[in-house]
All heavy atoms as atom14 arrays in JSON, in Angstrom:
{
  "sequence": "LVLEKCSWITIENIIFRRCWPSVVHLINSSYVSIRQCHF",
  "atom14_mask": [
    [1, 1, 1, 1, 1, 1, 1, 1, 0, 0, 0, 0, 0, 0],
    [1, 1, 1, 1, 1, 1, 1, 0, 0, 0, 0, 0, 0, 0],
    [1, 1, 1, 1, 1, 1, 1, 1, 0, 0, 0, 0, 0, 0],
    [1, 1, 1, 1, 1, 1, 1, 1, 1, 0, 0, 0, 0, 0],
    [1, 1, 1, 1, 1, 1, 1, 1, 1, 0, 0, 0, 0, 0],
    [1, 1, 1, 1, 1, 1, 0, 0, 0, 0, 0, 0, 0, 0],
    [1, 1, 1, 1, 1, 1, 0, 0, 0, 0, 0, 0, 0, 0],
    [1, 1, 1, 1, 1, 1, 1, 1, 1, 1, 1, 1, 1, 1],
    [1, 1, 1, 1, 1, 1, 1, 1, 0, 0, 0, 0, 0, 0],
    [1, 1, 1, 1, 1, 1, 1, 0, 0, 0, 0, 0, 0, 0],
    [1, 1, 1, 1, 1, 1, 1, 1, 0, 0, 0, 0, 0, 0],
    [1, 1, 1, 1, 1, 1, 1, 1, 1, 0, 0, 0, 0, 0],
    [1, 1, 1, 1, 1, 1, 1, 1, 0, 0, 0, 0, 0, 0],
    [1, 1, 1, 1, 1, 1, 1, 1, 0, 0, 0, 0, 0, 0],
    [1, 1, 1, 1, 1, 1, 1, 1, 0, 0, 0, 0, 0, 0],
    [1, 1, 1, 1, 1, 1, 1, 1, 1, 1, 1, 0, 0, 0],
    [1, 1, 1, 1, 1, 1, 1, 1, 1, 1, 1, 0, 0, 0],
    [1, 1, 1, 1, 1, 1, 1, 1, 1, 1, 1, 0, 0, 0],
    [1, 1, 1, 1, 1, 1, 0, 0, 0, 0, 0, 0, 0, 0],
    [1, 1, 1, 1, 1, 1, 1, 1, 1, 1, 1, 1, 1, 1],
    [1, 1, 1, 1, 1, 1, 1, 0, 0, 0, 0, 0, 0, 0],
    [1, 1, 1, 1, 1, 1, 0, 0, 0, 0, 0, 0, 0, 0],
    [1, 1, 1, 1, 1, 1, 1, 0, 0, 0, 0, 0, 0, 0],
    [1, 1, 1, 1, 1, 1, 1, 0, 0, 0, 0, 0, 0, 0],
    [1, 1, 1, 1, 1, 1, 1, 1, 1, 1, 0, 0, 0, 0],
    [1, 1, 1, 1, 1, 1, 1, 1, 0, 0, 0, 0, 0, 0],
    [1, 1, 1, 1, 1, 1, 1, 1, 0, 0, 0, 0, 0, 0],
    [1, 1, 1, 1, 1, 1, 1, 1, 0, 0, 0, 0, 0, 0],
    [1, 1, 1, 1, 1, 1, 0, 0, 0, 0, 0, 0, 0, 0],
    [1, 1, 1, 1, 1, 1, 0, 0, 0, 0, 0, 0, 0, 0],
    [1, 1, 1, 1, 1, 1, 1, 1, 1, 1, 1, 1, 0, 0],
    [1, 1, 1, 1, 1, 1, 1, 0, 0, 0, 0, 0, 0, 0],
    [1, 1, 1, 1, 1, 1, 0, 0, 0, 0, 0, 0, 0, 0],
    [1, 1, 1, 1, 1, 1, 1, 1, 0, 0, 0, 0, 0, 0],
    [1, 1, 1, 1, 1, 1, 1, 1, 1, 1, 1, 0, 0, 0],
    [1, 1, 1, 1, 1, 1, 1, 1, 1, 0, 0, 0, 0, 0],
    [1, 1, 1, 1, 1, 1, 0, 0, 0, 0, 0, 0, 0, 0],
    [1, 1, 1, 1, 1, 1, 1, 1, 1, 1, 0, 0, 0, 0],
    [1, 1, 1, 1, 1, 1, 1, 1, 1, 1, 1, 0, 0, 0]
  ],
  "atom14_positions": [
    [[120.07, 69.51, 120.26], [121.49, 69.23, 119.89], [121.55, 69.05, 118.37], [120.76, 68.35, 117.78], [121.9, 67.94, 120.49], [123.32, 67.35, 120.24], [124.35, 68.41, 120.85], [123.51, 66.05, 120.91], [0.0, 0.0, 0.0], [0.0, 0.0, 0.0], [0.0, 0.0, 0.0], [0.0, 0.0, 0.0], [0.0, 0.0, 0.0], [0.0, 0.0, 0.0]],
    [[122.5, 69.8, 117.68], [122.72, 69.69, 116.23], [124.15, 69.16, 116.05], [125.07, 69.93, 116.47], [122.5, 71.1, 115.6], [122.76, 70.91, 114.09], [121.17, 71.6, 115.94], [0.0, 0.0, 0.0], [0.0, 0.0, 0.0], [0.0, 0.0, 0.0], [0.0, 0.0, 0.0], [0.0, 0.0, 0.0], [0.0, 0.0, 0.0], [0.0, 0.0, 0.0]],
    [[124.33, 68.0, 115.37], [125.7, 67.69, 114.84], [125.79, 67.73, 113.38], [125.04, 67.14, 112.71], [125.87, 66.14, 115.35], [125.7, 65.84, 116.88], [125.92, 64.38, 117.07], [126.64, 66.78, 117.72], [0.0, 0.0, 0.0], [0.0, 0.0, 0.0], [0.0, 0.0, 0.0], [0.0, 0.0, 0.0], [0.0, 0.0, 0.0], [0.0, 0.0, 0.0]],
    [[126.76, 68.45, 112.99], [126.97, 68.62, 111.54], [128.3, 68.1, 111.13], [129.44, 68.45, 111.7], [126.89, 70.08, 111.02], [127.05, 70.32, 109.54], [126.74, 71.66, 109.07], [126.52, 72.57, 109.93], [126.81, 71.87, 107.93], [0.0, 0.0, 0.0], [0.0, 0.0, 0.0], [0.0, 0.0, 0.0], [0.0, 0.0, 0.0], [0.0, 0.0, 0.0]],
    [[128.31, 67.14, 110.15], [129.52, 66.49, 109.73], [130.36, 65.82, 110.78], [131.54, 66.07, 110.99], [130.32, 67.51, 108.89], [129.66, 67.96, 107.56], [130.43, 68.88, 106.77], [129.68, 69.28, 105.41], [130.6, 70.28, 104.75], [0.0, 0.0, 0.0], [0.0, 0.0, 0.0], [0.0, 0.0, 0.0], [0.0, 0.0, 0.0], [0.0, 0.0, 0.0]],
    [[129.65, 65.21, 111.72], [130.35, 64.6, 112.85], [130.2, 63.12, 112.68], [129.4, 62.64, 111.77], [129.72, 65.01, 114.17], [129.87, 66.78, 114.6], [0.0, 0.0, 0.0], [0.0, 0.0, 0.0], [0.0, 0.0, 0.0], [0.0, 0.0, 0.0], [0.0, 0.0, 0.0], [0.0, 0.0, 0.0], [0.0, 0.0, 0.0], [0.0, 0.0, 0.0]],
    [[130.97, 62.27, 113.49], [130.85, 60.96, 113.29], [131.38, 60.24, 114.62], [132.31, 60.84, 115.38], [131.64, 60.34, 112.25], [133.04, 60.5, 112.37], [0.0, 0.0, 0.0], [0.0, 0.0, 0.0], [0.0, 0.0, 0.0], [0.0, 0.0, 0.0], [0.0, 0.0, 0.0], [0.0, 0.0, 0.0], [0.0, 0.0, 0.0], [0.0, 0.0, 0.0]],
    [[130.81, 59.02, 114.86], [131.16, 58.26, 116.13], [131.0, 58.94, 117.35], [131.9, 59.15, 118.15], [132.6, 57.68, 115.98], [132.8, 56.75, 114.73], [133.47, 56.9, 113.66], [132.23, 55.43, 114.6], [133.46, 55.93, 112.74], [132.64, 54.86, 113.38], [131.39, 54.63, 115.44], [132.28, 53.65, 112.92], [130.99, 53.41, 114.94], [131.37, 52.95, 113.61]],
    [[129.84, 59.4, 117.46], [129.35, 60.18, 118.64], [128.25, 59.31, 119.35], [127.3, 58.88, 118.68], [128.81, 61.53, 118.43], [129.76, 62.34, 117.47], [128.43, 62.35, 119.74], [131.01, 62.8, 118.1], [0.0, 0.0, 0.0], [0.0, 0.0, 0.0], [0.0, 0.0, 0.0], [0.0, 0.0, 0.0], [0.0, 0.0, 0.0], [0.0, 0.0, 0.0]],
    [[128.32, 59.18, 120.75], [127.28, 58.51, 121.42], [126.61, 59.48, 122.36], [127.26, 60.16, 123.19], [127.87, 57.37, 122.33], [128.39, 56.38, 121.37], [126.92, 56.62, 123.06], [0.0, 0.0, 0.0], [0.0, 0.0, 0.0], [0.0, 0.0, 0.0], [0.0, 0.0, 0.0], [0.0, 0.0, 0.0], [0.0, 0.0, 0.0], [0.0, 0.0, 0.0]],
    [[125.26, 59.38, 122.41], [124.56, 60.45, 123.34], [123.55, 59.36, 124.2], [122.74, 58.68, 123.56], [123.66, 61.3, 122.5], [124.58, 62.13, 121.51], [122.81, 62.22, 123.36], [123.83, 62.67, 120.21], [0.0, 0.0, 0.0], [0.0, 0.0, 0.0], [0.0, 0.0, 0.0], [0.0, 0.0, 0.0], [0.0, 0.0, 0.0], [0.0, 0.0, 0.0]],
    [[123.67, 59.6, 125.44], [122.92, 58.58, 126.26], [122.5, 59.23, 127.66], [123.16, 60.09, 128.1], [123.69, 57.18, 126.43], [125.05, 57.38, 127.07], [125.89, 56.17, 127.11], [125.42, 55.14, 126.26], [126.88, 56.04, 127.8], [0.0, 0.0, 0.0], [0.0, 0.0, 0.0], [0.0, 0.0, 0.0], [0.0, 0.0, 0.0], [0.0, 0.0, 0.0]],
    [[121.41, 58.7, 128.13], [120.86, 59.0, 129.44], [120.66, 60.55, 129.65], [121.12, 61.14, 130.64], [121.89, 58.52, 130.54], [122.04, 56.96, 130.6], [121.5, 56.32, 129.85], [122.59, 56.44, 131.65], [0.0, 0.0, 0.0], [0.0, 0.0, 0.0], [0.0, 0.0, 0.0], [0.0, 0.0, 0.0], [0.0, 0.0, 0.0], [0.0, 0.0, 0.0]],
    [[120.0, 61.13, 128.69], [119.7, 62.57, 128.83], [118.26, 62.78, 128.44], [117.58, 62.13, 127.69], [120.5, 63.33, 127.7], [122.05, 63.25, 128.09], [120.14, 64.85, 127.77], [123.0, 63.85, 127.08], [0.0, 0.0, 0.0], [0.0, 0.0, 0.0], [0.0, 0.0, 0.0], [0.0, 0.0, 0.0], [0.0, 0.0, 0.0], [0.0, 0.0, 0.0]],
    [[117.63, 63.76, 129.29], [116.28, 64.1, 129.01], [116.21, 65.35, 128.12], [116.96, 66.31, 128.3], [115.52, 64.37, 130.31], [115.47, 63.1, 131.23], [114.14, 64.94, 130.05], [114.96, 63.32, 132.57], [0.0, 0.0, 0.0], [0.0, 0.0, 0.0], [0.0, 0.0, 0.0], [0.0, 0.0, 0.0], [0.0, 0.0, 0.0], [0.0, 0.0, 0.0]],
    [[115.32, 65.31, 127.12], [115.31, 66.49, 126.18], [113.95, 67.09, 126.26], [112.75, 66.36, 126.2], [115.55, 66.12, 124.71], [117.01, 65.82, 124.46], [117.55, 64.56, 124.68], [117.92, 66.71, 123.87], [118.8, 64.16, 124.35], [119.23, 66.44, 123.67], [119.57, 65.13, 123.86], [0.0, 0.0, 0.0], [0.0, 0.0, 0.0], [0.0, 0.0, 0.0]],
    [[113.69, 68.37, 126.57], [112.43, 69.02, 126.72], [112.3, 70.19, 125.81], [113.39, 70.91, 125.55], [112.18, 69.39, 128.19], [112.09, 68.19, 129.12], [111.74, 68.76, 130.59], [111.54, 67.55, 131.45], [111.64, 67.74, 132.77], [111.82, 68.91, 133.32], [111.55, 66.7, 133.53], [0.0, 0.0, 0.0], [0.0, 0.0, 0.0], [0.0, 0.0, 0.0]],
    [[111.17, 70.62, 125.37], [110.88, 71.84, 124.58], [111.9, 71.99, 123.6], [112.29, 73.22, 123.38], [110.79, 73.0, 125.68], [109.6, 72.84, 126.66], [109.45, 74.19, 127.43], [110.5, 74.35, 128.33], [110.6, 75.48, 129.14], [109.6, 76.31, 129.07], [111.55, 75.65, 129.94], [0.0, 0.0, 0.0], [0.0, 0.0, 0.0], [0.0, 0.0, 0.0]],
    [[112.0, 71.1, 122.72], [112.98, 71.18, 121.52], [112.08, 71.08, 120.36], [111.35, 70.15, 120.17], [114.03, 70.05, 121.52], [115.05, 70.07, 122.97], [0.0, 0.0, 0.0], [0.0, 0.0, 0.0], [0.0, 0.0, 0.0], [0.0, 0.0, 0.0], [0.0, 0.0, 0.0], [0.0, 0.0, 0.0], [0.0, 0.0, 0.0], [0.0, 0.0, 0.0]],
    [[112.18, 72.09, 119.41], [111.29, 72.16, 118.23], [112.09, 72.82, 117.14], [112.84, 73.75, 117.22], [110.03, 72.97, 118.55], [109.14, 72.22, 119.51], [109.12, 72.65, 120.92], [108.14, 71.35, 119.4], [108.12, 71.81, 121.52], [107.64, 71.02, 120.61], [107.65, 70.58, 118.22], [106.65, 70.07, 120.77], [106.68, 69.67, 118.39], [106.2, 69.35, 119.7]],
    [[111.79, 72.46, 115.91], [110.86, 71.28, 115.42], [111.64, 69.97, 115.64], [110.96, 68.88, 115.62], [110.39, 71.64, 114.09], [111.64, 72.34, 113.43], [112.18, 73.11, 114.65], [0.0, 0.0, 0.0], [0.0, 0.0, 0.0], [0.0, 0.0, 0.0], [0.0, 0.0, 0.0], [0.0, 0.0, 0.0], [0.0, 0.0, 0.0], [0.0, 0.0, 0.0]],
    [[112.94, 69.88, 115.7], [113.69, 68.82, 115.88], [114.35, 68.79, 117.2], [114.49, 69.86, 117.95], [114.88, 68.59, 114.82], [114.37, 68.75, 113.45], [0.0, 0.0, 0.0], [0.0, 0.0, 0.0], [0.0, 0.0, 0.0], [0.0, 0.0, 0.0], [0.0, 0.0, 0.0], [0.0, 0.0, 0.0], [0.0, 0.0, 0.0], [0.0, 0.0, 0.0]],
    [[114.68, 67.57, 117.73], [115.34, 67.52, 119.0], [116.82, 67.23, 118.8], [117.7, 68.1, 119.23], [114.71, 66.32, 119.89], [115.48, 66.39, 121.23], [113.18, 66.62, 119.95], [0.0, 0.0, 0.0], [0.0, 0.0, 0.0], [0.0, 0.0, 0.0], [0.0, 0.0, 0.0], [0.0, 0.0, 0.0], [0.0, 0.0, 0.0], [0.0, 0.0, 0.0]],
    [[117.18, 66.07, 118.17], [118.58, 65.87, 117.8], [118.56, 65.75, 116.18], [118.17, 65.02, 115.58], [119.02, 64.42, 118.32], [120.49, 64.17, 117.96], [118.83, 64.42, 119.89], [0.0, 0.0, 0.0], [0.0, 0.0, 0.0], [0.0, 0.0, 0.0], [0.0, 0.0, 0.0], [0.0, 0.0, 0.0], [0.0, 0.0, 0.0], [0.0, 0.0, 0.0]],
    [[119.35, 66.87, 115.81], [119.37, 67.04, 114.18], [120.68, 66.68, 113.77], [121.75, 67.19, 114.24], [119.02, 68.46, 113.85], [119.0, 68.76, 112.45], [118.66, 69.98, 111.89], [119.03, 67.98, 111.38], [118.57, 69.9, 110.6], [118.76, 68.67, 110.3], [0.0, 0.0, 0.0], [0.0, 0.0, 0.0], [0.0, 0.0, 0.0], [0.0, 0.0, 0.0]],
    [[120.82, 65.68, 112.92], [122.11, 65.14, 112.4], [122.39, 65.4, 110.92], [121.82, 64.75, 110.19], [122.08, 63.6, 112.71], [121.72, 63.13, 114.18], [121.59, 61.67, 114.16], [122.82, 63.64, 115.07], [0.0, 0.0, 0.0], [0.0, 0.0, 0.0], [0.0, 0.0, 0.0], [0.0, 0.0, 0.0], [0.0, 0.0, 0.0], [0.0, 0.0, 0.0]],
    [[123.1, 66.47, 110.84], [123.34, 66.96, 109.46], [124.45, 66.26, 108.83], [125.69, 66.54, 109.31], [123.4, 68.48, 109.33], [122.17, 69.22, 110.09], [123.56, 68.97, 108.0], [122.41, 70.6, 110.31], [0.0, 0.0, 0.0], [0.0, 0.0, 0.0], [0.0, 0.0, 0.0], [0.0, 0.0, 0.0], [0.0, 0.0, 0.0], [0.0, 0.0, 0.0]],
    [[124.4, 65.4, 107.84], [125.4, 64.75, 107.28], [126.38, 64.16, 108.32], [127.58, 64.21, 108.12], [126.23, 65.61, 106.4], [125.42, 65.94, 105.07], [124.87, 65.04, 104.43], [125.35, 67.11, 104.63], [0.0, 0.0, 0.0], [0.0, 0.0, 0.0], [0.0, 0.0, 0.0], [0.0, 0.0, 0.0], [0.0, 0.0, 0.0], [0.0, 0.0, 0.0]],
    [[125.92, 63.63, 109.35], [126.52, 62.95, 110.46], [126.38, 61.48, 110.33], [125.3, 61.01, 110.03], [126.29, 63.53, 111.82], [126.67, 64.99, 111.89], [0.0, 0.0, 0.0], [0.0, 0.0, 0.0], [0.0, 0.0, 0.0], [0.0, 0.0, 0.0], [0.0, 0.0, 0.0], [0.0, 0.0, 0.0], [0.0, 0.0, 0.0], [0.0, 0.0, 0.0]],
    [[127.25, 60.67, 110.76], [127.26, 59.14, 110.66], [127.72, 58.61, 111.93], [128.53, 59.15, 112.75], [128.0, 58.74, 109.46], [129.51, 59.13, 109.61], [0.0, 0.0, 0.0], [0.0, 0.0, 0.0], [0.0, 0.0, 0.0], [0.0, 0.0, 0.0], [0.0, 0.0, 0.0], [0.0, 0.0, 0.0], [0.0, 0.0, 0.0], [0.0, 0.0, 0.0]],
    [[127.22, 57.28, 112.12], [127.69, 56.46, 113.28], [127.42, 57.31, 114.56], [128.33, 57.3, 115.44], [129.15, 56.04, 113.05], [129.31, 55.24, 111.87], [130.13, 55.87, 110.77], [128.88, 54.0, 111.67], [130.29, 55.23, 109.64], [129.05, 53.31, 110.48], [129.86, 53.93, 109.49], [130.04, 53.35, 108.25], [0.0, 0.0, 0.0], [0.0, 0.0, 0.0]],
    [[126.19, 57.77, 114.65], [125.78, 58.41, 115.9], [124.73, 57.43, 116.56], [123.79, 56.99, 116.01], [125.01, 59.73, 115.56], [124.52, 60.31, 116.85], [125.98, 60.64, 114.81], [0.0, 0.0, 0.0], [0.0, 0.0, 0.0], [0.0, 0.0, 0.0], [0.0, 0.0, 0.0], [0.0, 0.0, 0.0], [0.0, 0.0, 0.0], [0.0, 0.0, 0.0]],
    [[124.98, 57.22, 117.98], [124.27, 56.36, 118.79], [123.53, 57.19, 119.78], [124.09, 57.93, 120.54], [125.03, 55.27, 119.47], [125.61, 54.37, 118.48], [0.0, 0.0, 0.0], [0.0, 0.0, 0.0], [0.0, 0.0, 0.0], [0.0, 0.0, 0.0], [0.0, 0.0, 0.0], [0.0, 0.0, 0.0], [0.0, 0.0, 0.0], [0.0, 0.0, 0.0]],
    [[122.14, 56.97, 119.81], [121.4, 57.77, 120.88], [120.68, 56.67, 121.69], [119.85, 55.96, 121.23], [120.26, 58.69, 120.2], [121.12, 59.69, 119.31], [119.46, 59.4, 121.09], [120.21, 60.33, 118.2], [0.0, 0.0, 0.0], [0.0, 0.0, 0.0], [0.0, 0.0, 0.0], [0.0, 0.0, 0.0], [0.0, 0.0, 0.0], [0.0, 0.0, 0.0]],
    [[121.19, 56.51, 122.99], [120.58, 55.54, 123.92], [120.0, 56.06, 125.11], [120.55, 56.99, 125.72], [121.75, 54.65, 124.21], [122.46, 53.82, 122.97], [123.44, 52.75, 123.47], [123.97, 51.93, 122.5], [125.32, 52.15, 122.11], [125.95, 53.1, 122.6], [125.68, 51.45, 121.06], [0.0, 0.0, 0.0], [0.0, 0.0, 0.0], [0.0, 0.0, 0.0]],
    [[118.92, 55.37, 125.61], [118.34, 55.53, 126.9], [118.08, 57.05, 127.08], [118.22, 57.53, 128.35], [119.28, 55.07, 127.93], [119.46, 53.55, 127.83], [120.33, 52.94, 128.85], [120.78, 51.74, 128.59], [120.69, 53.63, 129.87], [0.0, 0.0, 0.0], [0.0, 0.0, 0.0], [0.0, 0.0, 0.0], [0.0, 0.0, 0.0], [0.0, 0.0, 0.0]],
    [[117.7, 57.75, 126.05], [117.35, 59.17, 126.22], [115.8, 59.29, 126.35], [115.01, 58.4, 125.86], [117.7, 60.05, 125.15], [119.62, 60.28, 125.11], [0.0, 0.0, 0.0], [0.0, 0.0, 0.0], [0.0, 0.0, 0.0], [0.0, 0.0, 0.0], [0.0, 0.0, 0.0], [0.0, 0.0, 0.0], [0.0, 0.0, 0.0], [0.0, 0.0, 0.0]],
    [[115.34, 60.33, 127.09], [113.86, 60.53, 127.13], [113.49, 61.88, 126.5], [114.06, 62.89, 126.59], [113.53, 60.71, 128.77], [113.79, 59.44, 129.47], [113.27, 59.23, 130.82], [114.42, 58.34, 129.25], [113.64, 58.2, 131.16], [114.26, 57.56, 130.28], [0.0, 0.0, 0.0], [0.0, 0.0, 0.0], [0.0, 0.0, 0.0], [0.0, 0.0, 0.0]],
    [[112.36, 61.87, 125.73], [111.88, 62.87, 124.95], [110.53, 63.29, 125.19], [109.62, 62.24, 125.33], [111.99, 62.57, 123.43], [113.41, 62.28, 123.06], [113.73, 60.87, 122.83], [114.43, 63.18, 122.78], [115.08, 60.49, 122.47], [115.75, 62.81, 122.42], [115.99, 61.39, 122.19], [0.0, 0.0, 0.0], [0.0, 0.0, 0.0], [0.0, 0.0, 0.0]]
  ]
}
């Protein structure tokens, strides 16, 4: 998942697999919450 110039986004209860080199890439994004995810 890539978020660019986003804000006030919540990501939760998701399993992420085989993501390289980053999993959740936040480009100039703010107030992003990542909760209860499995990597």
